[in-house]
C-alpha atoms as a PDB file:
ATOM      1  CA  UNK A   1       2.607  12.833 -56.923  1.00  0.00           C
ATOM      2  CA  UNK A   2       0.646  13.015 -53.672  1.00  0.00           C
ATOM      3  CA  UNK A   3      -0.696  16.344 -52.585  1.00  0.00           C
ATOM      4  CA  UNK A   4      -1.281  16.940 -48.896  1.00  0.00           C
ATOM      5  CA  UNK A   5      -3.284  19.865 -47.685  1.00  0.00           C
ATOM      6  CA  UNK A   6      -2.877  20.820 -44.083  1.00  0.00           C
ATOM      7  CA  UNK A   7      -5.004  23.126 -42.049  1.00  0.00           C
ATOM      8  CA  UNK A   8      -2.536  24.083 -39.304  1.00  0.00           C
ATOM      9  CA  UNK A   9      -5.132  25.429 -36.827  1.00  0.00           C
ATOM     10  CA  UNK A  10      -7.130  22.188 -37.232  1.00  0.00           C
ATOM     11  CA  UNK A  11      -4.037  20.050 -36.618  1.00  0.00           C
ATOM     12  CA  UNK A  12      -3.168  22.103 -33.519  1.00  0.00           C
ATOM     13  CA  UNK A  13      -6.719  21.735 -32.178  1.00  0.00           C
ATOM     14  CA  UNK A  14      -6.641  17.969 -32.773  1.00  0.00           C
ATOM     15  CA  UNK A  15      -3.265  17.668 -31.018  1.00  0.00           C
ATOM     16  CA  UNK A  16      -4.566  19.631 -28.035  1.00  0.00           C
ATOM     17  CA  UNK A  17      -7.614  17.390 -27.907  1.00  0.00           C
ATOM     18  CA  UNK A  18      -5.367  14.323 -27.966  1.00  0.00           C
ATOM     19  CA  UNK A  19      -3.187  15.793 -25.187  1.00  0.00           C
ATOM     20  CA  UNK A  20      -6.292  16.462 -23.081  1.00  0.00           C
ATOM     21  CA  UNK A  21      -7.540  12.930 -23.655  1.00  0.00           C
ATOM     22  CA  UNK A  22      -4.164  11.605 -22.474  1.00  0.00           C
ATOM     23  CA  UNK A  23      -4.495  13.620 -19.253  1.00  0.00           C
ATOM     24  CA  UNK A  24      -8.028  12.292 -18.738  1.00  0.00           C
ATOM     25  CA  UNK A  25      -6.876   8.737 -19.383  1.00  0.00           C
ATOM     26  CA  UNK A  26      -3.927   9.135 -17.035  1.00  0.00           C
ATOM     27  CA  UNK A  27      -6.326  10.386 -14.360  1.00  0.00           C
ATOM     28  CA  UNK A  28      -8.559   7.389 -14.967  1.00  0.00           C
ATOM     29  CA  UNK A  29      -5.661   4.909 -14.746  1.00  0.00           C
ATOM     30  CA  UNK A  30      -4.360   6.350 -11.478  1.00  0.00           C
ATOM     31  CA  UNK A  31      -7.864   6.673 -10.046  1.00  0.00           C
ATOM     32  CA  UNK A  32      -8.586   3.005 -10.818  1.00  0.00           C
ATOM     33  CA  UNK A  33      -5.250   1.894  -9.335  1.00  0.00           C
ATOM     34  CA  UNK A  34      -5.913   3.805  -6.131  1.00  0.00           C
ATOM     35  CA  UNK A  35      -9.435   2.386  -5.786  1.00  0.00           C
ATOM     36  CA  UNK A  36      -8.147  -1.116  -6.538  1.00  0.00           C
ATOM     37  CA  UNK A  37      -5.352  -0.636  -4.011  1.00  0.00           C
ATOM     38  CA  UNK A  38      -7.785   0.050  -1.196  1.00  0.00           C
ATOM     39  CA  UNK A  39      -9.651  -3.177  -1.960  1.00  0.00           C
ATOM     40  CA  UNK A  40      -6.445  -5.201  -2.364  1.00  0.00           C
ATOM     41  CA  UNK A  41      -4.905  -3.928   0.894  1.00  0.00           C
ATOM     42  CA  UNK A  42      -7.989  -4.953   2.860  1.00  0.00           C
ATOM     43  CA  UNK A  43      -7.997  -8.353   1.169  1.00  0.00           C
ATOM     44  CA  UNK A  44      -4.286  -8.828   1.945  1.00  0.00           C
ATOM     45  CA  UNK A  45      -4.934  -8.163   5.633  1.00  0.00           C
ATOM     46  CA  UNK A  46      -7.530 -10.931   5.636  1.00  0.00           C
ATOM     47  CA  UNK A  47      -5.395 -13.292   3.522  1.00  0.00           C
ATOM     48  CA  UNK A  48      -2.424 -12.856   5.880  1.00  0.00           C
ATOM     49  CA  UNK A  49      -4.632 -13.518   8.889  1.00  0.00           C
ATOM     50  CA  UNK A  50      -3.805 -10.088  10.323  1.00  0.00           C
ATOM     51  CA  UNK A  51      -7.408  -9.404  11.348  1.00  0.00           C
ATOM     52  CA  UNK A  52      -7.671  -9.049  15.090  1.00  0.00           C
ATOM     53  CA  UNK A  53     -10.386  -6.466  15.643  1.00  0.00           C
ATOM     54  CA  UNK A  54     -11.166  -5.234  12.127  1.00  0.00           C
ATOM     55  CA  UNK A  55      -9.671  -1.836  12.942  1.00  0.00           C
ATOM     56  CA  UNK A  56      -6.638  -2.372  10.684  1.00  0.00           C
ATOM     57  CA  UNK A  57      -8.696  -3.224   7.599  1.00  0.00           C
ATOM     58  CA  UNK A  58     -11.120  -0.392   8.329  1.00  0.00           C
ATOM     59  CA  UNK A  59      -8.199   2.048   8.548  1.00  0.00           C
ATOM     60  CA  UNK A  60      -7.202   1.521   4.907  1.00  0.00           C
ATOM     61  CA  UNK A  61      -7.996   4.643   2.915  1.00  0.00           C
ATOM     62  CA  UNK A  62      -7.083   5.999  -0.485  1.00  0.00           C
ATOM     63  CA  UNK A  63      -6.745   9.427  -2.009  1.00  0.00           C
ATOM     64  CA  UNK A  64      -6.275  10.755  -5.521  1.00  0.00           C
ATOM     65  CA  UNK A  65      -5.777  14.368  -6.570  1.00  0.00           C
ATOM     66  CA  UNK A  66      -6.474  14.958 -10.270  1.00  0.00           C
ATOM     67  CA  UNK A  67      -4.585  18.258 -10.370  1.00  0.00           C
ATOM     68  CA  UNK A  68      -1.278  16.871  -9.132  1.00  0.00           C
ATOM     69  CA  UNK A  69      -2.001  13.348 -10.391  1.00  0.00           C
ATOM     70  CA  UNK A  70      -0.854  11.954  -7.067  1.00  0.00           C
ATOM     71  CA  UNK A  71      -2.665   9.031  -5.535  1.00  0.00           C
ATOM     72  CA  UNK A  72      -1.950   6.748  -2.645  1.00  0.00           C
ATOM     73  CA  UNK A  73      -3.333   3.989  -0.485  1.00  0.00           C
ATOM     74  CA  UNK A  74      -2.521   4.213   3.184  1.00  0.00           C
ATOM     75  CA  UNK A  75      -3.093   2.562   6.526  1.00  0.00           C
ATOM     76  CA  UNK A  76      -4.257   4.988   9.202  1.00  0.00           C
ATOM     77  CA  UNK A  77      -4.005   2.563  12.144  1.00  0.00           C
ATOM     78  CA  UNK A  78      -1.243   3.729  14.466  1.00  0.00           C
ATOM     79  CA  UNK A  79       0.016   0.152  14.829  1.00  0.00           C
ATOM     80  CA  UNK A  80      -0.068  -0.640  11.095  1.00  0.00           C
ATOM     81  CA  UNK A  81       3.700  -0.533  10.634  1.00  0.00           C
ATOM     82  CA  UNK A  82       4.161  -3.075  13.430  1.00  0.00           C
ATOM     83  CA  UNK A  83       1.821  -5.458  11.613  1.00  0.00           C
ATOM     84  CA  UNK A  84       3.561  -4.726   8.295  1.00  0.00           C
ATOM     85  CA  UNK A  85       7.131  -5.157   9.556  1.00  0.00           C
ATOM     86  CA  UNK A  86       6.630  -7.536  12.469  1.00  0.00           C
ATOM     87  CA  UNK A  87       7.970  -7.042  15.978  1.00  0.00           C
ATOM     88  CA  UNK A  88      10.347  -8.536  18.514  1.00  0.00           C
ATOM     89  CA  UNK A  89      12.033 -11.899  18.455  1.00  0.00           C
ATOM     90  CA  UNK A  90       9.203 -13.431  16.434  1.00  0.00           C
ATOM     91  CA  UNK A  91       9.442 -10.671  13.831  1.00  0.00           C
ATOM     92  CA  UNK A  92      13.177 -11.092  13.450  1.00  0.00           C
ATOM     93  CA  UNK A  93      12.627 -14.785  12.719  1.00  0.00           C
ATOM     94  CA  UNK A  94       9.967 -14.033  10.065  1.00  0.00           C
ATOM     95  CA  UNK A  95      11.247 -10.710   8.690  1.00  0.00           C
ATOM     96  CA  UNK A  96       9.723  -8.170   6.327  1.00  0.00           C
ATOM     97  CA  UNK A  97      10.159  -8.877   2.621  1.00  0.00           C
ATOM     98  CA  UNK A  98      10.247  -5.306   1.286  1.00  0.00           C
ATOM     99  CA  UNK A  99      12.785  -2.480   1.496  1.00  0.00           C
ATOM    100  CA  UNK A 100      10.758   0.153   3.399  1.00  0.00           C
ATOM    101  CA  UNK A 101      11.842  -1.130   6.806  1.00  0.00           C
ATOM    102  CA  UNK A 102      15.521  -0.468   6.097  1.00  0.00           C
ATOM    103  CA  UNK A 103      14.705   2.844   4.398  1.00  0.00           C
ATOM    104  CA  UNK A 104      13.034   4.260   7.520  1.00  0.00           C
ATOM    105  CA  UNK A 105      15.444   2.686  10.012  1.00  0.00           C
ATOM    106  CA  UNK A 106      12.959   0.318  11.690  1.00  0.00           C
ATOM    107  CA  UNK A 107      14.730  -2.410  13.655  1.00  0.00           C
ATOM    108  CA  UNK A 108      13.576  -5.504  15.469  1.00  0.00           C
ATOM    109  CA  UNK A 109      14.183  -5.283  19.173  1.00  0.00           C
ATOM    110  CA  UNK A 110      14.111  -1.508  19.364  1.00  0.00           C
ATOM    111  CA  UNK A 111      11.754   0.872  21.070  1.00  0.00           C
ATOM    112  CA  UNK A 112      10.661  -1.168  24.054  1.00  0.00           C
ATOM    113  CA  UNK A 113      12.028  -2.674  27.246  1.00  0.00           C
ATOM    114  CA  UNK A 114      12.449  -6.417  26.981  1.00  0.00           C
ATOM    115  CA  UNK A 115      12.020  -8.785  29.879  1.00  0.00           C
ATOM    116  CA  UNK A 116      12.736 -12.458  30.277  1.00  0.00           C
ATOM    117  CA  UNK A 117      10.010 -14.532  31.884  1.00  0.00           C
ATOM    118  CA  UNK A 118      10.679 -17.340  34.351  1.00  0.00           C
ATOM    119  CA  UNK A 119      10.140 -19.870  31.559  1.00  0.00           C
ATOM    120  CA  UNK A 120      12.831 -18.187  29.415  1.00  0.00           C
ATOM    121  CA  UNK A 121      10.680 -16.304  26.935  1.00  0.00           C
ATOM    122  CA  UNK A 122      11.922 -12.843  25.897  1.00  0.00           C
ATOM    123  CA  UNK A 123       9.411 -10.108  25.129  1.00  0.00           C
ATOM    124  CA  UNK A 124       7.496  -7.251  26.666  1.00  0.00           C
ATOM    125  CA  UNK A 125       4.191  -6.357  28.262  1.00  0.00           C
ATOM    126  CA  UNK A 126       1.735  -4.009  26.605  1.00  0.00           C
ATOM    127  CA  UNK A 127      -1.547  -2.461  27.737  1.00  0.00           C
ATOM    128  CA  UNK A 128      -4.629  -3.460  25.777  1.00  0.00           C
ATOM    129  CA  UNK A 129      -7.875  -1.581  25.334  1.00  0.00           C
ATOM    130  CA  UNK A 130      -9.560  -3.812  27.870  1.00  0.00           C
ATOM    131  CA  UNK A 131      -7.301  -2.286  30.542  1.00  0.00           C
ATOM    132  CA  UNK A 132      -5.252  -5.453  31.047  1.00  0.00           C
ATOM    133  CA  UNK A 133      -1.560  -5.988  30.367  1.00  0.00           C
ATOM    134  CA  UNK A 134      -0.449  -8.785  28.044  1.00  0.00           C
ATOM    135  CA  UNK A 135       2.915 -10.389  27.334  1.00  0.00           C
ATOM    136  CA  UNK A 136       4.173 -10.856  23.778  1.00  0.00           C
ATOM    137  CA  UNK A 137       7.311 -12.086  22.104  1.00  0.00           C
ATOM    138  CA  UNK A 138       6.294 -10.081  19.054  1.00  0.00           C
ATOM    139  CA  UNK A 139       4.682 -11.049  15.797  1.00  0.00           C
ATOM    140  CA  UNK A 140       5.878 -12.038  12.345  1.00  0.00           C
ATOM    141  CA  UNK A 141       5.732  -9.605   9.476  1.00  0.00           C
ATOM    142  CA  UNK A 142       2.383  -9.412   7.694  1.00  0.00           C
ATOM    143  CA  UNK A 143       3.473  -7.222   4.738  1.00  0.00           C
ATOM    144  CA  UNK A 144      -0.022  -6.353   3.516  1.00  0.00           C
ATOM    145  CA  UNK A 145       0.993  -2.966   2.047  1.00  0.00           C
ATOM    146  CA  UNK A 146       4.097  -4.369   0.326  1.00  0.00           C
ATOM    147  CA  UNK A 147       2.006  -7.134  -1.225  1.00  0.00           C
ATOM    148  CA  UNK A 148      -0.587  -4.550  -2.269  1.00  0.00           C
ATOM    149  CA  UNK A 149       2.126  -2.586  -4.069  1.00  0.00           C
ATOM    150  CA  UNK A 150       3.330  -5.725  -5.868  1.00  0.00           C
ATOM    151  CA  UNK A 151      -0.204  -6.543  -7.021  1.00  0.00           C
ATOM    152  CA  UNK A 152      -0.832  -2.966  -8.185  1.00  0.00           C
ATOM    153  CA  UNK A 153       2.401  -2.983 -10.197  1.00  0.00           C
ATOM    154  CA  UNK A 154       1.040  -5.981 -12.102  1.00  0.00           C
ATOM    155  CA  UNK A 155      -2.302  -4.185 -12.621  1.00  0.00           C
ATOM    156  CA  UNK A 156      -0.905  -1.053 -14.332  1.00  0.00           C
ATOM    157  CA  UNK A 157      -0.757  -2.525 -17.846  1.00  0.00           C
ATOM    158  CA  UNK A 158      -4.153  -4.297 -17.752  1.00  0.00           C
ATOM    159  CA  UNK A 159      -5.848  -1.168 -16.391  1.00  0.00           C
ATOM    160  CA  UNK A 160      -4.109   1.042 -18.978  1.00  0.00           C
ATOM    161  CA  UNK A 161      -5.233  -1.315 -21.740  1.00  0.00           C
ATOM    162  CA  UNK A 162      -8.828  -1.121 -20.528  1.00  0.00           C
ATOM    163  CA  UNK A 163      -8.718   2.674 -20.287  1.00  0.00           C
ATOM    164  CA  UNK A 164      -7.185   3.002 -23.750  1.00  0.00           C
ATOM    165  CA  UNK A 165      -9.583   0.414 -25.139  1.00  0.00           C
ATOM    166  CA  UNK A 166      -6.888  -2.073 -26.191  1.00  0.00           C
ATOM    167  CA  UNK A 167      -7.896  -5.090 -24.127  1.00  0.00           C
END
């Protein structure tokens, strides 16, 4: 016969300690994912050759709130979604690979006035920071944020294993 003695207050204290350690570990996992996401997003911009001025990569920021356990990586450049989804005729021929574009109602060929040049190209003119106007047929999708999300999904388990000490 096996005799077990249980000190209920001790068991409750140990369970509370374990619960608290889970919250701390969860915070650590999300915090690491968010920090990693900022690095990955910048690297994806470079890898996709979407670096024009450096402003896009410099606009990548991350945030994590321990109380709500909500974290995110975001692009603060006002033109970031156009880089992500692509634009115009060129974008429609090299479309976005994720689902966000359809979810927010973004469409190729919307939002601007198209013109046809004498040589047959279809596109639009836009003002640049140098004060000049430039013609474009658009750009292909450079889904740097979508790729970042895919990479982070694959990082959840390895990061959790490191945090829990089960590498």
